[in-house]
Amino acid sequence: MPVLHHVAVTVTSLVEARPWYDAVLGVLGYRPEIVSERICTWTGATPEILVYPDEGDDRSPHTHGRPGWQHAAFAVDDRTMVDAVHRAVIEVGSGTVVHAPREYDYMPGYYAVFVTDPSGVRWEILHAPSISANT
């Protein structure tokens, strides 16, 4: 069965993005692996997260709904981790809380927060009783 090995995103500034990713991914059990001016990576759970600086002249942040990345979702084992990511984004002071933690009607007990990094890349952290973080 295929396994998602890594997710790579491009940001407008590694200097601005790194504290955000350290905070959010740290809550999820990731740790920084490679830190340079050309790439930052976080390892721990699967997938590995790779963050690259932008290339070229277009430095505009990603806009949700535009072709390209929509969002990625991490399933976690309990609601406290969803709430911890929410707090981490607020405390780091960059990025955006798009939708504060709440229940959604996607399935019974589905509880999630939607956040964006400083470049507008959207992430969802969710807990649902029928989904295990280990599956």
N, C-alpha and C. Protein backbone atom coordinates (compact mmCIF):
# COMPACT_ATOMS: atom_id res chain seq x y z
N MET A 1 0.85 -1.17 0.00
CA MET A 1 0.00 0.00 0.00
C MET A 1 0.90 1.24 0.00
N PRO A 2 0.61 2.22 -0.85
CA PRO A 2 1.41 3.45 -0.86
C PRO A 2 1.28 4.20 0.46
N VAL A 3 2.35 4.83 0.85
CA VAL A 3 2.38 5.65 2.06
C VAL A 3 2.87 7.04 1.67
N LEU A 4 2.20 8.06 2.14
CA LEU A 4 2.64 9.43 1.88
C LEU A 4 3.96 9.65 2.61
N HIS A 5 5.04 9.84 1.87
CA HIS A 5 6.38 9.93 2.44
C HIS A 5 6.70 11.33 2.96
N HIS A 6 6.42 12.35 2.16
CA HIS A 6 6.68 13.71 2.60
C HIS A 6 5.74 14.69 1.92
N VAL A 7 5.59 15.84 2.56
CA VAL A 7 4.84 16.96 2.01
C VAL A 7 5.82 18.11 1.93
N ALA A 8 5.91 18.72 0.75
CA ALA A 8 6.81 19.85 0.55
C ALA A 8 5.99 21.09 0.21
N VAL A 9 6.27 22.17 0.90
CA VAL A 9 5.58 23.43 0.63
C VAL A 9 6.62 24.52 0.40
N THR A 10 6.22 25.52 -0.34
CA THR A 10 7.07 26.68 -0.60
C THR A 10 6.49 27.86 0.16
N VAL A 11 7.36 28.61 0.82
CA VAL A 11 6.93 29.76 1.62
C VAL A 11 7.63 31.02 1.13
N THR A 12 7.07 32.16 1.46
CA THR A 12 7.67 33.42 1.04
C THR A 12 8.90 33.77 1.85
N SER A 13 9.04 33.20 3.06
CA SER A 13 10.21 33.48 3.90
C SER A 13 10.43 32.33 4.88
N LEU A 14 11.57 31.65 4.77
CA LEU A 14 11.88 30.61 5.75
C LEU A 14 12.05 31.21 7.14
N VAL A 15 12.58 32.42 7.22
CA VAL A 15 12.78 33.07 8.51
C VAL A 15 11.45 33.27 9.22
N GLU A 16 10.41 33.67 8.49
CA GLU A 16 9.08 33.85 9.09
C GLU A 16 8.37 32.52 9.32
N ALA A 17 8.57 31.58 8.41
CA ALA A 17 7.83 30.31 8.48
C ALA A 17 8.37 29.37 9.54
N ARG A 18 9.67 29.37 9.75
CA ARG A 18 10.25 28.36 10.64
C ARG A 18 9.66 28.40 12.05
N PRO A 19 9.52 29.54 12.74
CA PRO A 19 8.92 29.52 14.07
C PRO A 19 7.49 28.96 14.08
N TRP A 20 6.74 29.26 13.03
CA TRP A 20 5.37 28.74 12.93
C TRP A 20 5.38 27.22 12.82
N TYR A 21 6.20 26.69 11.92
CA TYR A 21 6.28 25.24 11.75
C TYR A 21 6.87 24.57 12.99
N ASP A 22 7.87 25.19 13.62
CA ASP A 22 8.40 24.63 14.87
C ASP A 22 7.29 24.50 15.91
N ALA A 23 6.46 25.54 16.04
CA ALA A 23 5.40 25.54 17.05
C ALA A 23 4.32 24.52 16.72
N VAL A 24 3.79 24.57 15.52
CA VAL A 24 2.68 23.68 15.15
C VAL A 24 3.14 22.23 15.07
N LEU A 25 4.23 21.99 14.35
CA LEU A 25 4.69 20.61 14.20
C LEU A 25 5.22 20.05 15.51
N GLY A 26 5.76 20.92 16.37
CA GLY A 26 6.21 20.47 17.69
C GLY A 26 5.07 19.88 18.51
N VAL A 27 3.90 20.50 18.45
CA VAL A 27 2.73 19.97 19.14
C VAL A 27 2.40 18.57 18.63
N LEU A 28 2.63 18.35 17.33
CA LEU A 28 2.29 17.08 16.70
C LEU A 28 3.41 16.04 16.84
N GLY A 29 4.49 16.38 17.56
CA GLY A 29 5.56 15.42 17.80
C GLY A 29 6.69 15.44 16.79
N TYR A 30 6.70 16.40 15.90
CA TYR A 30 7.79 16.53 14.94
C TYR A 30 8.96 17.29 15.57
N ARG A 31 10.14 17.11 14.99
CA ARG A 31 11.31 17.87 15.43
C ARG A 31 12.07 18.35 14.19
N PRO A 32 12.73 19.50 14.30
CA PRO A 32 13.52 19.98 13.17
C PRO A 32 14.63 18.99 12.84
N GLU A 33 14.88 18.78 11.57
CA GLU A 33 15.94 17.88 11.13
C GLU A 33 17.01 18.67 10.38
N ILE A 34 16.66 19.21 9.21
CA ILE A 34 17.59 20.02 8.43
C ILE A 34 17.14 21.47 8.53
N VAL A 35 18.06 22.35 8.84
CA VAL A 35 17.76 23.78 8.91
C VAL A 35 18.85 24.50 8.13
N SER A 36 18.46 25.11 7.00
CA SER A 36 19.42 25.86 6.19
C SER A 36 18.67 26.99 5.50
N GLU A 37 19.39 27.76 4.72
CA GLU A 37 18.75 28.84 3.96
C GLU A 37 18.00 28.31 2.74
N ARG A 38 18.22 27.03 2.39
CA ARG A 38 17.60 26.45 1.19
C ARG A 38 16.48 25.48 1.49
N ILE A 39 16.41 24.96 2.72
CA ILE A 39 15.36 24.01 3.09
C ILE A 39 15.33 23.86 4.61
N CYS A 40 14.13 23.64 5.14
CA CYS A 40 13.96 23.24 6.53
C CYS A 40 13.07 22.00 6.50
N THR A 41 13.44 20.99 7.29
CA THR A 41 12.64 19.78 7.34
C THR A 41 12.32 19.43 8.78
N TRP A 42 11.18 18.72 8.95
CA TRP A 42 10.75 18.24 10.26
C TRP A 42 10.45 16.76 10.11
N THR A 43 10.92 15.97 11.06
CA THR A 43 10.68 14.54 11.04
C THR A 43 10.01 14.11 12.34
N GLY A 44 9.53 12.92 12.33
CA GLY A 44 8.82 12.35 13.47
C GLY A 44 7.78 11.41 12.92
N ALA A 45 6.58 11.88 12.88
CA ALA A 45 5.49 11.10 12.28
C ALA A 45 5.64 11.12 10.76
N THR A 46 4.86 10.31 10.09
CA THR A 46 4.81 10.34 8.63
C THR A 46 3.65 11.23 8.24
N PRO A 47 3.76 12.08 7.28
CA PRO A 47 4.89 12.26 6.39
C PRO A 47 5.91 13.25 6.94
N GLU A 48 7.11 13.19 6.40
CA GLU A 48 8.12 14.21 6.69
C GLU A 48 7.62 15.53 6.08
N ILE A 49 7.91 16.65 6.72
CA ILE A 49 7.50 17.96 6.21
C ILE A 49 8.74 18.70 5.74
N LEU A 50 8.71 19.18 4.50
CA LEU A 50 9.80 19.93 3.91
C LEU A 50 9.29 21.32 3.56
N VAL A 51 10.04 22.35 3.90
CA VAL A 51 9.65 23.72 3.59
C VAL A 51 10.80 24.39 2.85
N TYR A 52 10.46 24.92 1.68
CA TYR A 52 11.43 25.57 0.80
C TYR A 52 11.13 27.06 0.70
N PRO A 53 12.17 27.88 0.46
CA PRO A 53 11.90 29.30 0.18
C PRO A 53 11.38 29.44 -1.25
N ASP A 54 10.68 30.54 -1.50
CA ASP A 54 10.15 30.77 -2.84
C ASP A 54 11.28 30.99 -3.84
N GLU A 55 10.93 30.77 -5.10
CA GLU A 55 11.85 31.01 -6.21
C GLU A 55 11.14 31.93 -7.19
N GLY A 56 11.86 32.83 -7.78
CA GLY A 56 11.27 33.70 -8.78
C GLY A 56 10.70 34.97 -8.18
N ASP A 57 9.93 35.65 -8.97
CA ASP A 57 9.44 36.98 -8.60
C ASP A 57 8.09 36.99 -7.90
N ASP A 58 7.28 35.94 -8.06
CA ASP A 58 5.94 35.93 -7.46
C ASP A 58 6.06 35.54 -5.99
N ARG A 59 5.95 36.50 -5.10
CA ARG A 59 6.06 36.27 -3.67
C ARG A 59 4.70 36.43 -2.98
N SER A 60 3.64 36.41 -3.75
CA SER A 60 2.32 36.58 -3.15
C SER A 60 1.95 35.32 -2.37
N PRO A 61 1.33 35.50 -1.20
CA PRO A 61 0.92 34.33 -0.41
C PRO A 61 -0.11 33.50 -1.16
N HIS A 62 -0.17 32.24 -0.80
CA HIS A 62 -1.17 31.36 -1.39
C HIS A 62 -2.56 31.82 -0.95
N THR A 63 -3.51 31.74 -1.85
CA THR A 63 -4.89 32.09 -1.56
C THR A 63 -5.73 30.84 -1.64
N HIS A 64 -6.44 30.54 -0.57
CA HIS A 64 -7.32 29.38 -0.53
C HIS A 64 -8.34 29.47 -1.65
N GLY A 65 -8.53 28.40 -2.37
CA GLY A 65 -9.49 28.37 -3.47
C GLY A 65 -8.84 28.57 -4.82
N ARG A 66 -7.63 29.06 -4.84
CA ARG A 66 -6.87 29.21 -6.08
C ARG A 66 -6.33 27.83 -6.47
N PRO A 67 -6.11 27.54 -7.74
CA PRO A 67 -5.56 26.24 -8.09
C PRO A 67 -4.27 25.96 -7.32
N GLY A 68 -4.13 24.71 -6.93
CA GLY A 68 -2.96 24.31 -6.15
C GLY A 68 -3.39 23.73 -4.82
N TRP A 69 -2.58 23.92 -3.83
CA TRP A 69 -2.81 23.37 -2.49
C TRP A 69 -4.16 23.80 -1.95
N GLN A 70 -4.93 22.87 -1.43
CA GLN A 70 -6.19 23.21 -0.74
C GLN A 70 -5.93 23.13 0.75
N HIS A 71 -5.61 21.97 1.26
CA HIS A 71 -5.11 21.83 2.62
C HIS A 71 -4.72 20.38 2.86
N ALA A 72 -3.92 20.16 3.88
CA ALA A 72 -3.60 18.82 4.35
C ALA A 72 -4.15 18.70 5.76
N ALA A 73 -4.52 17.48 6.14
CA ALA A 73 -5.12 17.27 7.46
C ALA A 73 -4.34 16.22 8.23
N PHE A 74 -4.03 16.55 9.48
CA PHE A 74 -3.42 15.61 10.41
C PHE A 74 -4.51 15.11 11.36
N ALA A 75 -4.68 13.79 11.46
CA ALA A 75 -5.58 13.20 12.45
C ALA A 75 -4.78 12.97 13.72
N VAL A 76 -5.31 13.44 14.84
CA VAL A 76 -4.64 13.28 16.13
C VAL A 76 -5.54 12.48 17.06
N ASP A 77 -4.95 11.98 18.15
CA ASP A 77 -5.66 11.05 19.01
C ASP A 77 -6.68 11.66 19.96
N ASP A 78 -6.60 12.97 20.18
CA ASP A 78 -7.60 13.57 21.09
C ASP A 78 -7.77 15.05 20.80
N ARG A 79 -8.85 15.59 21.33
CA ARG A 79 -9.19 17.00 21.13
C ARG A 79 -8.15 17.95 21.74
N THR A 80 -7.47 17.51 22.79
CA THR A 80 -6.51 18.40 23.43
C THR A 80 -5.39 18.79 22.48
N MET A 81 -5.03 17.90 21.56
CA MET A 81 -3.99 18.24 20.57
C MET A 81 -4.51 19.26 19.57
N VAL A 82 -5.77 19.14 19.19
CA VAL A 82 -6.38 20.14 18.30
C VAL A 82 -6.32 21.50 18.99
N ASP A 83 -6.72 21.54 20.25
CA ASP A 83 -6.70 22.80 21.00
C ASP A 83 -5.27 23.32 21.19
N ALA A 84 -4.30 22.42 21.36
CA ALA A 84 -2.91 22.82 21.55
C ALA A 84 -2.34 23.46 20.28
N VAL A 85 -2.71 22.94 19.12
CA VAL A 85 -2.26 23.57 17.87
C VAL A 85 -2.88 24.96 17.75
N HIS A 86 -4.14 25.09 18.08
CA HIS A 86 -4.81 26.39 18.05
C HIS A 86 -4.05 27.39 18.93
N ARG A 87 -3.72 26.98 20.15
CA ARG A 87 -2.97 27.87 21.05
C ARG A 87 -1.58 28.19 20.49
N ALA A 88 -0.91 27.20 19.91
CA ALA A 88 0.44 27.41 19.37
C ALA A 88 0.44 28.46 18.26
N VAL A 89 -0.56 28.41 17.39
CA VAL A 89 -0.63 29.39 16.30
C VAL A 89 -0.86 30.79 16.88
N ILE A 90 -1.72 30.90 17.86
CA ILE A 90 -1.96 32.20 18.49
C ILE A 90 -0.69 32.70 19.19
N GLU A 91 -0.03 31.81 19.92
CA GLU A 91 1.17 32.21 20.68
C GLU A 91 2.34 32.57 19.79
N VAL A 92 2.53 31.89 18.67
CA VAL A 92 3.66 32.19 17.80
C VAL A 92 3.45 33.54 17.10
N GLY A 93 2.21 33.97 16.97
CA GLY A 93 1.92 35.31 16.46
C GLY A 93 2.07 35.49 14.97
N SER A 94 2.15 34.40 14.22
CA SER A 94 2.16 34.51 12.76
C SER A 94 1.23 33.44 12.22
N GLY A 95 0.93 33.54 10.95
CA GLY A 95 -0.07 32.65 10.41
C GLY A 95 -1.45 33.11 10.85
N THR A 96 -2.44 32.29 10.57
CA THR A 96 -3.82 32.67 10.86
C THR A 96 -4.61 31.46 11.35
N VAL A 97 -5.46 31.70 12.31
CA VAL A 97 -6.47 30.70 12.65
C VAL A 97 -7.66 30.99 11.74
N VAL A 98 -7.90 30.11 10.80
CA VAL A 98 -8.98 30.29 9.83
C VAL A 98 -10.32 29.94 10.48
N HIS A 99 -10.36 28.78 11.13
CA HIS A 99 -11.55 28.33 11.85
C HIS A 99 -11.08 27.78 13.19
N ALA A 100 -11.49 28.42 14.28
CA ALA A 100 -11.14 27.96 15.62
C ALA A 100 -11.69 26.55 15.84
N PRO A 101 -11.13 25.82 16.81
CA PRO A 101 -11.60 24.45 17.04
C PRO A 101 -13.10 24.38 17.29
N ARG A 102 -13.73 23.45 16.60
CA ARG A 102 -15.15 23.21 16.79
C ARG A 102 -15.52 21.88 16.15
N GLU A 103 -16.73 21.43 16.42
CA GLU A 103 -17.22 20.20 15.81
C GLU A 103 -17.77 20.50 14.41
N TYR A 104 -17.54 19.55 13.52
CA TYR A 104 -18.06 19.61 12.15
C TYR A 104 -18.95 18.40 11.94
N ASP A 105 -19.86 18.48 10.97
CA ASP A 105 -20.77 17.38 10.74
C ASP A 105 -20.26 16.39 9.69
N TYR A 106 -18.94 16.36 9.47
CA TYR A 106 -18.36 15.42 8.50
C TYR A 106 -18.59 13.98 8.93
N MET A 107 -18.52 13.74 10.24
CA MET A 107 -18.79 12.43 10.84
C MET A 107 -18.98 12.68 12.33
N PRO A 108 -19.58 11.75 13.06
CA PRO A 108 -19.81 11.97 14.49
C PRO A 108 -18.52 12.25 15.26
N GLY A 109 -18.55 13.31 16.06
CA GLY A 109 -17.41 13.66 16.91
C GLY A 109 -16.25 14.34 16.21
N TYR A 110 -16.40 14.72 14.94
CA TYR A 110 -15.32 15.34 14.17
C TYR A 110 -15.06 16.73 14.74
N TYR A 111 -13.85 16.96 15.22
CA TYR A 111 -13.46 18.20 15.90
C TYR A 111 -12.16 18.67 15.26
N ALA A 112 -12.12 19.91 14.77
CA ALA A 112 -10.96 20.34 14.01
C ALA A 112 -10.69 21.83 14.14
N VAL A 113 -9.45 22.19 13.86
CA VAL A 113 -9.02 23.57 13.71
C VAL A 113 -8.39 23.68 12.32
N PHE A 114 -8.63 24.80 11.65
CA PHE A 114 -8.00 25.09 10.37
C PHE A 114 -7.11 26.31 10.56
N VAL A 115 -5.84 26.18 10.14
CA VAL A 115 -4.86 27.26 10.32
C VAL A 115 -4.07 27.42 9.03
N THR A 116 -3.49 28.61 8.86
CA THR A 116 -2.56 28.81 7.75
C THR A 116 -1.22 29.25 8.28
N ASP A 117 -0.17 28.88 7.55
CA ASP A 117 1.17 29.35 7.90
C ASP A 117 1.31 30.80 7.45
N PRO A 118 2.42 31.47 7.70
CA PRO A 118 2.56 32.88 7.31
C PRO A 118 2.45 33.13 5.81
N SER A 119 2.59 32.08 4.98
CA SER A 119 2.48 32.24 3.53
C SER A 119 1.11 31.82 2.99
N GLY A 120 0.17 31.53 3.88
CA GLY A 120 -1.18 31.19 3.46
C GLY A 120 -1.42 29.71 3.19
N VAL A 121 -0.45 28.83 3.49
CA VAL A 121 -0.63 27.40 3.28
C VAL A 121 -1.52 26.87 4.40
N ARG A 122 -2.61 26.23 4.03
CA ARG A 122 -3.63 25.81 5.00
C ARG A 122 -3.40 24.38 5.48
N TRP A 123 -3.59 24.21 6.80
CA TRP A 123 -3.49 22.91 7.46
C TRP A 123 -4.72 22.71 8.34
N GLU A 124 -5.15 21.47 8.45
CA GLU A 124 -6.24 21.10 9.35
C GLU A 124 -5.70 20.09 10.35
N ILE A 125 -6.02 20.28 11.62
CA ILE A 125 -5.69 19.32 12.66
C ILE A 125 -7.04 18.84 13.20
N LEU A 126 -7.26 17.52 13.17
CA LEU A 126 -8.58 17.01 13.51
C LEU A 126 -8.50 15.82 14.45
N HIS A 127 -9.57 15.68 15.19
CA HIS A 127 -9.80 14.46 15.95
C HIS A 127 -11.20 13.98 15.63
N ALA A 128 -11.30 12.70 15.30
CA ALA A 128 -12.60 12.06 15.12
C ALA A 128 -12.49 10.68 15.73
N PRO A 129 -13.44 10.30 16.57
CA PRO A 129 -13.36 9.01 17.23
C PRO A 129 -13.19 7.82 16.29
N SER A 130 -13.72 7.94 15.07
CA SER A 130 -13.61 6.82 14.13
C SER A 130 -12.31 6.82 13.34
N ILE A 131 -11.47 7.85 13.52
CA ILE A 131 -10.20 7.94 12.82
C ILE A 131 -9.09 7.94 13.85
N SER A 132 -8.16 7.04 13.73
CA SER A 132 -7.02 7.00 14.63
C SER A 132 -5.84 7.69 13.97
N ALA A 133 -5.04 8.38 14.73
CA ALA A 133 -3.82 9.00 14.21
C ALA A 133 -2.84 7.93 13.77
N ASN A 134 -3.03 6.70 14.18
CA ASN A 134 -2.10 5.63 13.85
C ASN A 134 -2.50 4.84 12.61
N THR A 135 -3.58 5.26 11.93
CA THR A 135 -3.98 4.52 10.72
C THR A 135 -3.53 5.25 9.48
